[in-house]
N, C-alpha and C. Protein backbone atom coordinates (compact mmCIF):
# COMPACT_ATOMS: atom_id res chain seq x y z
N MET A 1 -39.05 104.96 -53.99
CA MET A 1 -37.76 104.34 -53.64
C MET A 1 -37.07 103.96 -54.58
N LYS A 2 -35.67 104.32 -54.68
CA LYS A 2 -34.79 103.94 -55.71
C LYS A 2 -34.31 102.61 -55.64
N THR A 3 -34.04 102.01 -56.91
CA THR A 3 -33.37 100.50 -56.98
C THR A 3 -31.95 100.75 -56.89
N SER A 4 -31.12 99.96 -56.06
CA SER A 4 -30.01 100.22 -56.24
C SER A 4 -29.14 98.77 -56.67
N PHE A 5 -28.31 98.85 -57.78
CA PHE A 5 -27.72 97.51 -58.54
C PHE A 5 -26.18 98.11 -59.02
N ARG A 6 -25.58 97.20 -59.20
CA ARG A 6 -24.23 97.32 -59.52
C ARG A 6 -24.22 97.53 -61.27
N ILE A 7 -23.64 98.88 -61.44
CA ILE A 7 -23.69 99.09 -62.98
C ILE A 7 -22.39 98.55 -63.50
N SER A 8 -22.45 97.14 -64.24
CA SER A 8 -21.34 96.99 -65.09
C SER A 8 -21.45 97.30 -66.32
N LEU A 9 -20.20 97.31 -67.25
CA LEU A 9 -20.25 97.66 -68.33
C LEU A 9 -21.27 96.37 -69.20
N ALA A 10 -21.59 95.40 -68.84
CA ALA A 10 -22.20 94.49 -69.32
C ALA A 10 -23.65 95.17 -69.33
N LEU A 11 -24.09 95.42 -67.97
CA LEU A 11 -25.46 95.90 -67.77
C LEU A 11 -25.73 97.14 -68.36
N THR A 12 -24.68 98.19 -68.55
CA THR A 12 -24.74 99.40 -69.39
C THR A 12 -25.31 99.12 -70.75
N PHE A 13 -24.36 98.14 -71.38
CA PHE A 13 -24.80 97.60 -72.90
C PHE A 13 -26.24 97.08 -72.76
N ALA A 14 -26.49 96.40 -71.98
CA ALA A 14 -27.96 95.73 -72.06
C ALA A 14 -29.16 96.91 -71.84
N LEU A 15 -28.77 97.80 -70.79
CA LEU A 15 -29.83 98.90 -70.80
C LEU A 15 -29.91 99.72 -71.97
N THR A 16 -28.76 100.00 -72.78
CA THR A 16 -28.47 100.80 -73.99
C THR A 16 -28.84 100.08 -75.37
N GLY A 17 -29.30 98.81 -75.31
CA GLY A 17 -29.70 98.35 -76.59
C GLY A 17 -28.17 98.01 -77.23
N ALA A 18 -26.90 97.72 -76.41
CA ALA A 18 -25.75 97.94 -77.09
C ALA A 18 -25.54 96.65 -78.11
N ASP A 19 -26.21 95.60 -77.65
CA ASP A 19 -25.91 94.55 -78.40
C ASP A 19 -26.81 94.05 -79.75
N ALA A 20 -26.36 94.69 -80.78
CA ALA A 20 -27.29 94.83 -82.00
C ALA A 20 -27.36 93.34 -82.55
N ALA A 21 -26.38 92.62 -82.09
CA ALA A 21 -26.29 91.18 -82.70
C ALA A 21 -27.57 90.18 -82.44
N LEU A 22 -28.04 90.53 -80.96
CA LEU A 22 -29.24 89.90 -80.62
C LEU A 22 -30.45 90.40 -81.29
N ALA A 23 -30.51 91.61 -81.80
CA ALA A 23 -31.58 91.97 -82.40
C ALA A 23 -31.59 91.67 -83.85
N ALA A 24 -30.75 91.19 -84.33
CA ALA A 24 -30.69 90.84 -86.01
C ALA A 24 -31.39 89.61 -86.14
N ASP A 25 -32.56 89.63 -86.71
CA ASP A 25 -33.60 88.44 -86.84
C ASP A 25 -34.68 88.67 -87.90
N THR A 26 -34.26 88.33 -89.12
CA THR A 26 -35.06 88.40 -90.16
C THR A 26 -36.53 87.93 -90.16
N GLY A 27 -36.58 87.29 -89.29
CA GLY A 27 -38.02 86.71 -88.88
C GLY A 27 -39.41 87.53 -88.25
N LYS A 28 -38.44 88.52 -87.88
CA LYS A 28 -39.29 89.49 -87.15
C LYS A 28 -40.22 90.46 -88.02
N PRO A 29 -41.45 90.66 -87.47
CA PRO A 29 -42.08 91.89 -88.34
C PRO A 29 -41.33 93.02 -88.27
N TYR A 30 -41.75 94.00 -89.29
CA TYR A 30 -41.32 95.19 -89.83
C TYR A 30 -40.98 96.06 -88.32
N LEU A 31 -42.24 96.37 -87.78
CA LEU A 31 -42.13 97.33 -86.78
C LEU A 31 -41.38 96.90 -85.41
N ALA A 32 -41.27 95.22 -85.33
CA ALA A 32 -40.17 94.86 -84.12
C ALA A 32 -38.86 95.17 -84.81
N LEU A 33 -38.62 95.09 -85.88
CA LEU A 33 -37.26 95.24 -86.38
C LEU A 33 -36.77 96.60 -86.10
N VAL A 34 -37.86 97.51 -86.50
CA VAL A 34 -37.50 98.86 -86.15
C VAL A 34 -37.20 99.28 -84.86
N GLY A 35 -37.86 98.67 -84.14
CA GLY A 35 -37.70 98.81 -82.37
C GLY A 35 -36.44 98.41 -81.91
N ASP A 36 -36.09 97.35 -82.64
CA ASP A 36 -34.77 96.82 -82.22
C ASP A 36 -33.58 97.59 -82.92
N LEU A 37 -33.77 98.36 -83.96
CA LEU A 37 -32.68 99.31 -84.69
C LEU A 37 -32.84 100.49 -84.01
N VAL A 38 -33.74 100.94 -83.33
CA VAL A 38 -33.93 102.16 -82.42
C VAL A 38 -33.10 102.13 -81.14
N GLY A 39 -33.43 100.67 -80.46
CA GLY A 39 -32.53 100.71 -79.42
C GLY A 39 -31.12 100.53 -79.55
N ALA A 40 -30.72 99.83 -80.41
CA ALA A 40 -29.44 99.52 -80.85
C ALA A 40 -28.66 100.98 -81.47
N VAL A 41 -29.52 102.07 -81.93
CA VAL A 41 -28.81 103.22 -82.66
C VAL A 41 -29.05 104.43 -81.79
N LYS A 42 -30.19 104.53 -81.33
CA LYS A 42 -30.52 105.74 -80.60
C LYS A 42 -30.54 105.63 -78.99
N SER A 43 -30.24 104.93 -78.74
CA SER A 43 -29.74 104.77 -77.04
C SER A 43 -28.44 105.49 -76.75
N PRO A 44 -27.50 105.90 -77.41
CA PRO A 44 -26.44 106.50 -77.08
C PRO A 44 -26.85 107.97 -76.75
N GLU A 45 -27.97 108.57 -77.95
CA GLU A 45 -28.35 109.92 -77.54
C GLU A 45 -29.06 109.71 -76.38
N ILE A 46 -30.26 108.96 -76.09
CA ILE A 46 -30.89 109.17 -75.04
C ILE A 46 -30.17 109.11 -73.67
N MET A 47 -29.08 108.11 -73.73
CA MET A 47 -28.12 108.03 -72.57
C MET A 47 -27.53 109.49 -72.25
N LYS A 48 -26.90 110.25 -73.39
CA LYS A 48 -26.32 111.26 -73.49
C LYS A 48 -27.20 112.47 -72.85
N GLU A 49 -28.58 112.40 -73.34
CA GLU A 49 -29.59 113.48 -72.71
C GLU A 49 -29.84 113.20 -71.26
N GLN A 50 -29.80 111.99 -70.88
CA GLN A 50 -30.20 111.49 -69.38
C GLN A 50 -29.23 112.13 -68.52
N CYS A 51 -27.71 111.47 -69.05
CA CYS A 51 -26.80 111.84 -68.12
C CYS A 51 -26.47 113.21 -67.89
N GLY A 52 -26.68 114.21 -69.27
CA GLY A 52 -26.51 115.52 -69.28
C GLY A 52 -27.59 116.22 -68.28
N GLU A 53 -28.84 115.62 -68.19
CA GLU A 53 -29.75 116.40 -67.13
C GLU A 53 -29.29 116.06 -65.84
N LYS A 54 -29.15 115.09 -65.46
CA LYS A 54 -28.67 114.58 -64.12
C LYS A 54 -27.25 114.93 -63.58
N PHE A 55 -26.33 114.83 -64.54
CA PHE A 55 -25.21 115.65 -63.95
C PHE A 55 -24.41 116.56 -65.31
N ARG A 56 -25.03 117.85 -64.88
CA ARG A 56 -24.52 118.59 -65.91
C ARG A 56 -23.08 119.16 -66.27
N GLY A 57 -22.45 118.61 -65.34
CA GLY A 57 -20.87 118.81 -65.54
C GLY A 57 -20.37 117.64 -66.64
N SER A 58 -20.90 116.72 -66.83
CA SER A 58 -20.51 115.86 -67.95
C SER A 58 -21.19 116.28 -69.32
N ARG A 59 -22.12 117.28 -69.31
CA ARG A 59 -22.74 117.62 -70.56
C ARG A 59 -21.84 118.04 -71.81
N LYS A 60 -20.97 118.73 -71.52
CA LYS A 60 -20.00 119.41 -72.68
C LYS A 60 -19.01 118.04 -73.12
N ASP A 61 -18.62 117.48 -72.34
CA ASP A 61 -17.71 116.12 -72.63
C ASP A 61 -18.43 115.37 -73.48
N ASN A 62 -19.60 114.94 -73.04
CA ASN A 62 -20.43 113.87 -73.45
C ASN A 62 -20.94 114.30 -74.89
N ASP A 63 -21.48 115.77 -75.04
CA ASP A 63 -21.93 116.32 -76.12
C ASP A 63 -21.06 116.21 -77.13
N LYS A 64 -19.56 116.66 -76.85
CA LYS A 64 -18.38 116.32 -77.93
C LYS A 64 -18.32 115.07 -78.26
N LEU A 65 -18.35 114.09 -77.44
CA LEU A 65 -18.14 112.79 -77.72
C LEU A 65 -19.16 112.17 -78.81
N PHE A 66 -20.31 112.80 -78.38
CA PHE A 66 -21.55 112.29 -79.07
C PHE A 66 -21.60 112.95 -80.58
N LYS A 67 -21.45 114.10 -80.52
CA LYS A 67 -21.13 114.98 -81.87
C LYS A 67 -20.06 114.17 -82.91
N GLU A 68 -19.04 113.92 -82.23
CA GLU A 68 -17.88 113.14 -83.12
C GLU A 68 -18.56 111.50 -83.49
N TRP A 69 -18.88 110.83 -82.42
CA TRP A 69 -19.63 109.76 -83.02
C TRP A 69 -20.52 109.68 -84.08
N SER A 70 -21.44 110.71 -83.94
CA SER A 70 -22.69 110.49 -84.87
C SER A 70 -22.05 111.27 -86.25
N THR A 71 -21.00 112.08 -86.16
CA THR A 71 -20.19 112.38 -87.27
C THR A 71 -19.70 111.40 -88.12
N ARG A 72 -18.95 110.30 -87.51
CA ARG A 72 -18.47 109.17 -87.79
C ARG A 72 -19.28 108.09 -88.74
N HIS A 73 -20.67 108.16 -88.14
CA HIS A 73 -21.55 107.22 -88.57
C HIS A 73 -22.84 108.01 -89.22
N ALA A 74 -22.47 109.21 -89.76
CA ALA A 74 -23.63 110.26 -90.37
C ALA A 74 -24.67 109.34 -91.34
N LYS A 75 -23.90 108.72 -92.18
CA LYS A 75 -24.48 108.02 -93.37
C LYS A 75 -25.46 106.93 -92.71
N THR A 76 -25.13 106.17 -91.90
CA THR A 76 -25.75 105.02 -91.29
C THR A 76 -27.02 105.75 -90.45
N LEU A 77 -26.69 106.71 -89.78
CA LEU A 77 -27.81 107.22 -88.92
C LEU A 77 -28.69 107.91 -89.88
N ALA A 78 -28.21 108.95 -90.85
CA ALA A 78 -29.50 109.06 -91.59
C ALA A 78 -30.37 108.14 -92.22
N ALA A 79 -29.83 106.95 -92.39
CA ALA A 79 -30.51 105.79 -93.08
C ALA A 79 -31.62 105.36 -92.11
N VAL A 80 -31.04 105.24 -90.84
CA VAL A 80 -31.90 104.61 -89.70
C VAL A 80 -33.02 105.90 -89.63
N ASP A 81 -32.80 107.20 -89.63
CA ASP A 81 -33.72 108.07 -89.30
C ASP A 81 -34.91 108.02 -90.44
N VAL A 82 -34.40 107.64 -91.74
CA VAL A 82 -35.59 107.47 -92.90
C VAL A 82 -36.37 106.27 -92.25
N GLN A 83 -35.91 105.25 -91.93
CA GLN A 83 -36.64 104.01 -91.43
C GLN A 83 -37.38 104.27 -90.28
N ILE A 84 -37.04 105.22 -89.42
CA ILE A 84 -37.81 105.59 -87.93
C ILE A 84 -39.06 106.49 -88.70
N GLU A 85 -38.85 107.37 -89.62
CA GLU A 85 -39.80 108.26 -89.82
C GLU A 85 -40.82 107.42 -90.87
N ARG A 86 -40.27 106.30 -91.53
CA ARG A 86 -41.24 105.69 -92.44
C ARG A 86 -42.07 104.73 -91.54
N ALA A 87 -41.62 104.36 -90.09
CA ALA A 87 -42.40 103.54 -89.05
C ALA A 87 -43.41 104.56 -88.67
N ASN A 88 -42.89 105.58 -88.12
CA ASN A 88 -43.70 106.77 -87.50
C ASN A 88 -45.00 106.97 -88.78
N ASP A 89 -44.60 107.10 -89.87
CA ASP A 89 -45.87 107.27 -90.87
C ASP A 89 -46.71 106.15 -90.88
N ARG A 90 -46.20 105.02 -90.84
CA ARG A 90 -47.20 103.62 -90.73
C ARG A 90 -48.05 103.75 -89.37
N LEU A 91 -47.13 104.01 -88.23
CA LEU A 91 -47.82 103.90 -86.72
C LEU A 91 -48.93 105.06 -86.99
N ARG A 92 -48.75 106.13 -87.35
CA ARG A 92 -49.97 107.45 -87.56
C ARG A 92 -51.07 106.87 -88.40
N ARG A 93 -50.70 106.10 -89.48
CA ARG A 93 -51.78 105.71 -90.33
C ARG A 93 -52.54 104.66 -89.64
N GLN A 94 -51.99 103.78 -88.99
CA GLN A 94 -52.71 102.62 -88.13
C GLN A 94 -53.38 103.31 -86.87
N ALA A 95 -52.99 104.29 -86.38
CA ALA A 95 -53.77 104.87 -85.26
C ALA A 95 -54.85 105.82 -85.57
N GLY A 96 -54.92 106.29 -86.90
CA GLY A 96 -56.12 107.09 -87.03
C GLY A 96 -56.13 108.37 -86.40
N SER A 97 -56.94 108.70 -85.82
CA SER A 97 -57.16 110.11 -85.12
C SER A 97 -56.80 109.76 -83.56
N ALA A 98 -56.25 108.60 -83.42
CA ALA A 98 -55.55 108.73 -81.81
C ALA A 98 -54.45 109.45 -81.63
N LYS A 99 -54.19 110.03 -80.60
CA LYS A 99 -53.06 110.71 -80.29
C LYS A 99 -51.94 109.91 -80.03
N LEU A 100 -50.77 110.40 -80.72
CA LEU A 100 -49.52 109.71 -80.44
C LEU A 100 -48.36 110.56 -80.07
N PRO A 101 -47.28 110.20 -79.85
CA PRO A 101 -46.25 111.09 -79.18
C PRO A 101 -45.35 111.36 -80.48
N PRO A 102 -44.65 112.67 -80.74
CA PRO A 102 -44.02 112.88 -81.92
C PRO A 102 -43.36 112.06 -82.84
N SER A 103 -42.70 111.14 -81.98
CA SER A 103 -41.94 109.95 -82.69
C SER A 103 -42.46 108.66 -82.11
N PRO A 104 -43.64 108.03 -82.41
CA PRO A 104 -43.85 106.92 -81.77
C PRO A 104 -43.13 105.59 -82.02
N ALA A 105 -42.04 105.58 -83.05
CA ALA A 105 -41.19 104.69 -83.12
C ALA A 105 -40.03 104.61 -82.08
N THR A 106 -39.82 105.71 -81.61
CA THR A 106 -38.67 105.84 -80.61
C THR A 106 -39.24 106.05 -79.21
N SER A 107 -40.50 106.11 -79.09
CA SER A 107 -40.97 106.40 -77.78
C SER A 107 -41.01 105.44 -76.77
N VAL A 108 -41.21 104.11 -77.30
CA VAL A 108 -40.80 102.95 -76.31
C VAL A 108 -39.44 102.78 -75.79
N THR A 109 -38.56 103.05 -76.71
CA THR A 109 -37.18 102.97 -76.37
C THR A 109 -36.88 104.10 -75.09
N ARG A 110 -37.48 105.25 -75.68
CA ARG A 110 -36.98 106.22 -74.77
C ARG A 110 -37.74 105.99 -73.23
N ALA A 111 -38.98 105.64 -73.37
CA ALA A 111 -39.74 105.93 -72.07
C ALA A 111 -39.09 104.42 -71.21
N HIS A 112 -38.67 103.19 -71.80
CA HIS A 112 -37.84 102.25 -71.12
C HIS A 112 -36.60 102.57 -70.47
N LEU A 113 -35.73 103.52 -71.31
CA LEU A 113 -34.70 103.82 -70.42
C LEU A 113 -34.98 104.92 -69.61
N ASP A 114 -35.66 105.69 -69.62
CA ASP A 114 -36.07 106.75 -68.88
C ASP A 114 -36.71 106.24 -67.59
N ARG A 115 -37.30 104.98 -67.73
CA ARG A 115 -37.85 104.29 -66.27
C ARG A 115 -36.79 103.65 -65.46
N VAL A 116 -35.98 102.98 -66.38
CA VAL A 116 -34.78 102.40 -65.65
C VAL A 116 -33.81 103.36 -65.12
N PHE A 117 -33.21 104.51 -65.77
CA PHE A 117 -32.50 105.55 -65.35
C PHE A 117 -33.15 106.12 -64.24
N GLY A 118 -34.69 106.60 -64.05
CA GLY A 118 -35.32 107.04 -62.88
C GLY A 118 -35.08 106.31 -61.46
N ALA A 119 -35.04 104.92 -61.98
CA ALA A 119 -35.18 103.91 -60.90
C ALA A 119 -33.85 103.75 -60.11
N MET A 120 -32.79 104.34 -60.77
CA MET A 120 -31.19 103.98 -60.24
C MET A 120 -30.96 105.36 -59.07
N THR A 121 -30.11 104.79 -58.06
CA THR A 121 -29.72 105.75 -57.09
C THR A 121 -28.76 106.64 -57.76
N ASP A 122 -28.31 107.59 -57.13
CA ASP A 122 -27.46 108.69 -57.77
C ASP A 122 -26.41 107.99 -58.06
N ASP A 123 -25.74 106.92 -56.95
CA ASP A 123 -24.38 106.34 -57.22
C ASP A 123 -24.35 105.52 -58.32
N ASP A 124 -25.44 104.82 -58.79
CA ASP A 124 -25.61 103.74 -59.61
C ASP A 124 -25.75 104.76 -61.07
N ALA A 125 -26.38 105.99 -61.24
CA ALA A 125 -26.84 106.48 -62.16
C ALA A 125 -25.42 107.32 -62.54
N ARG A 126 -24.46 107.69 -61.60
CA ARG A 126 -23.23 108.16 -61.81
C ARG A 126 -22.42 107.39 -62.52
N GLU A 127 -22.08 105.75 -62.22
CA GLU A 127 -21.45 104.86 -62.58
C GLU A 127 -21.92 104.39 -64.08
N TYR A 128 -23.26 104.50 -64.39
CA TYR A 128 -23.97 104.18 -65.74
C TYR A 128 -23.49 105.47 -66.43
N CYS A 129 -23.56 106.63 -66.16
CA CYS A 129 -23.15 107.65 -67.03
C CYS A 129 -21.69 107.83 -67.19
N ALA A 130 -20.67 107.25 -66.33
CA ALA A 130 -19.26 106.98 -66.56
C ALA A 130 -18.90 106.42 -67.71
N GLN A 131 -20.16 105.35 -68.21
CA GLN A 131 -19.73 104.34 -69.30
C GLN A 131 -20.10 104.90 -70.59
N PHE A 132 -20.56 106.06 -70.58
CA PHE A 132 -20.81 106.66 -72.14
C PHE A 132 -19.83 106.36 -73.04
N PRO A 133 -18.53 106.77 -72.61
CA PRO A 133 -17.46 106.52 -73.85
C PRO A 133 -17.37 105.21 -74.27
N LYS A 134 -17.35 104.38 -73.31
CA LYS A 134 -17.47 102.81 -73.67
C LYS A 134 -18.43 102.52 -74.39
N VAL A 135 -19.85 102.74 -74.06
CA VAL A 135 -20.83 102.49 -74.97
C VAL A 135 -20.79 103.12 -76.42
N LEU A 136 -20.22 104.18 -76.59
CA LEU A 136 -19.93 104.79 -77.97
C LEU A 136 -18.80 104.03 -78.68
N GLU A 137 -17.73 103.29 -78.01
CA GLU A 137 -16.81 102.60 -78.73
C GLU A 137 -17.31 101.22 -78.94
N GLN A 138 -18.45 100.82 -77.92
CA GLN A 138 -18.98 99.54 -78.39
C GLN A 138 -19.63 99.63 -79.73
N LYS A 139 -20.41 100.75 -79.85
CA LYS A 139 -21.50 101.29 -81.01
C LYS A 139 -20.51 101.42 -82.43
N ASP A 140 -19.28 102.04 -82.11
CA ASP A 140 -18.38 102.06 -83.01
C ASP A 140 -17.92 100.66 -83.88
N ARG A 141 -17.82 99.64 -82.91
CA ARG A 141 -17.36 98.44 -83.24
C ARG A 141 -18.69 97.60 -83.99
N GLU A 142 -19.79 97.93 -83.55
CA GLU A 142 -21.03 97.54 -84.12
C GLU A 142 -21.62 97.93 -85.41
N PHE A 143 -21.22 99.22 -85.87
CA PHE A 143 -22.05 100.02 -86.84
C PHE A 143 -21.84 99.30 -88.36
N ASP A 144 -20.41 99.01 -88.32
CA ASP A 144 -20.01 98.06 -89.51
C ASP A 144 -20.53 96.71 -89.82
N GLY A 145 -21.03 96.14 -88.56
CA GLY A 145 -21.21 94.80 -88.61
C GLY A 145 -22.69 94.58 -88.46
N GLU A 146 -22.98 94.55 -87.04
CA GLU A 146 -24.29 94.08 -86.52
C GLU A 146 -25.18 95.15 -87.15
N ILE A 147 -25.07 96.14 -86.73
CA ILE A 147 -26.12 97.36 -87.09
C ILE A 147 -26.26 97.66 -88.53
N ALA A 148 -25.37 97.49 -89.16
CA ALA A 148 -25.44 97.52 -90.93
C ALA A 148 -26.55 96.37 -91.13
N ARG A 149 -26.30 95.14 -90.60
CA ARG A 149 -26.91 94.11 -90.98
C ARG A 149 -28.46 94.22 -90.30
N LEU A 150 -28.44 94.84 -89.28
CA LEU A 150 -29.94 95.02 -88.58
C LEU A 150 -30.72 96.29 -89.68
N LEU A 151 -30.02 97.19 -90.12
CA LEU A 151 -30.41 98.26 -91.04
C LEU A 151 -30.84 97.43 -92.20
N ALA A 152 -30.12 96.64 -92.85
CA ALA A 152 -30.42 96.11 -93.97
C ALA A 152 -31.58 95.05 -93.89
N ASP A 153 -31.84 94.47 -92.87
CA ASP A 153 -33.08 93.81 -92.36
C ASP A 153 -34.30 94.75 -92.39
N VAL A 154 -34.06 95.55 -91.76
CA VAL A 154 -35.08 96.74 -91.60
C VAL A 154 -35.56 97.30 -93.11
N GLU A 155 -34.80 97.60 -93.68
CA GLU A 155 -35.18 98.02 -95.16
C GLU A 155 -35.65 97.08 -96.14
N ALA A 156 -35.26 95.63 -95.83
CA ALA A 156 -35.86 94.62 -96.65
C ALA A 156 -37.20 94.48 -96.07
N ALA A 157 -37.62 94.54 -94.81
CA ALA A 157 -38.90 94.19 -94.35
C ALA A 157 -39.56 95.48 -94.62
N ASP A 158 -39.08 96.68 -94.68
CA ASP A 158 -39.77 97.81 -95.27
C ASP A 158 -40.42 97.86 -96.67
N ARG A 159 -39.46 97.29 -97.60
CA ARG A 159 -39.90 97.12 -98.94
C ARG A 159 -41.03 95.97 -98.75
N GLU A 160 -40.95 94.63 -98.12
CA GLU A 160 -41.86 93.83 -98.35
C GLU A 160 -43.49 94.59 -97.75
N GLN A 161 -43.22 95.22 -96.75
CA GLN A 161 -44.39 95.82 -96.30
C GLN A 161 -45.00 97.03 -97.05
N THR A 162 -44.21 97.74 -97.87
CA THR A 162 -44.80 98.58 -98.93
C THR A 162 -45.41 97.93 -99.98
N ALA A 163 -44.62 96.64 -100.38
CA ALA A 163 -45.46 96.26 -101.54
C ALA A 163 -46.85 95.27 -100.96
N ARG A 164 -46.70 94.83 -99.93
CA ARG A 164 -48.08 94.56 -99.10
C ARG A 164 -49.21 95.74 -99.00
N GLU A 165 -48.72 96.84 -98.76
CA GLU A 165 -49.58 97.89 -98.58
C GLU A 165 -50.19 98.67 -99.93
N ALA A 166 -49.48 98.35 -100.77
CA ALA A 166 -49.61 98.92 -102.33
C ALA A 166 -50.92 98.30 -102.88
N PRO A 167 -51.81 99.17 -103.36
CA PRO A 167 -52.95 98.81 -103.69
C PRO A 167 -52.80 97.69 -104.81
N GLN A 168 -53.56 96.61 -104.92
CA GLN A 168 -53.51 95.56 -105.96
C GLN A 168 -54.11 95.88 -107.21
N LYS A 169 -53.46 95.77 -108.15
CA LYS A 169 -54.01 95.81 -109.50
C LYS A 169 -54.86 95.07 -109.87
N LYS A 170 -56.12 95.22 -110.60
CA LYS A 170 -57.01 94.20 -110.97
C LYS A 170 -57.17 94.01 -112.58
């Protein structure tokens, strides 16, 4: 049974991790900060994919909007990808021989958004997907402020974690 709820712009932003300001917290552990960064930065791509699957007619327009958005933020997105890969490497080392998804650092965000999207009625999903351009506009406003600070926090936590992981000289 699908859950019906009104998809407001505020709810769309909450579902896509659009409020990076809430995520910036230097007291969090490295992997928690990476999770916040993934939610803040990768959610538009996940949203684009979800909406393109469900509403194929929107795919071309959303792909174009997403490509333009990702081009505008290419430098920051590349730095985020570096941190995601570093987190993935850490998670793989911690997991040992356990089987992990291709990108364990992004899998939780993707699974959460897929669960929420899958529970929506068709009308709610249509309304959610109609918000895609506004989500990108909101992300544009966040990239120079909140997301840049969150990325800086992740990079600092990564340096601290790397120093703790380095073999101690005796």
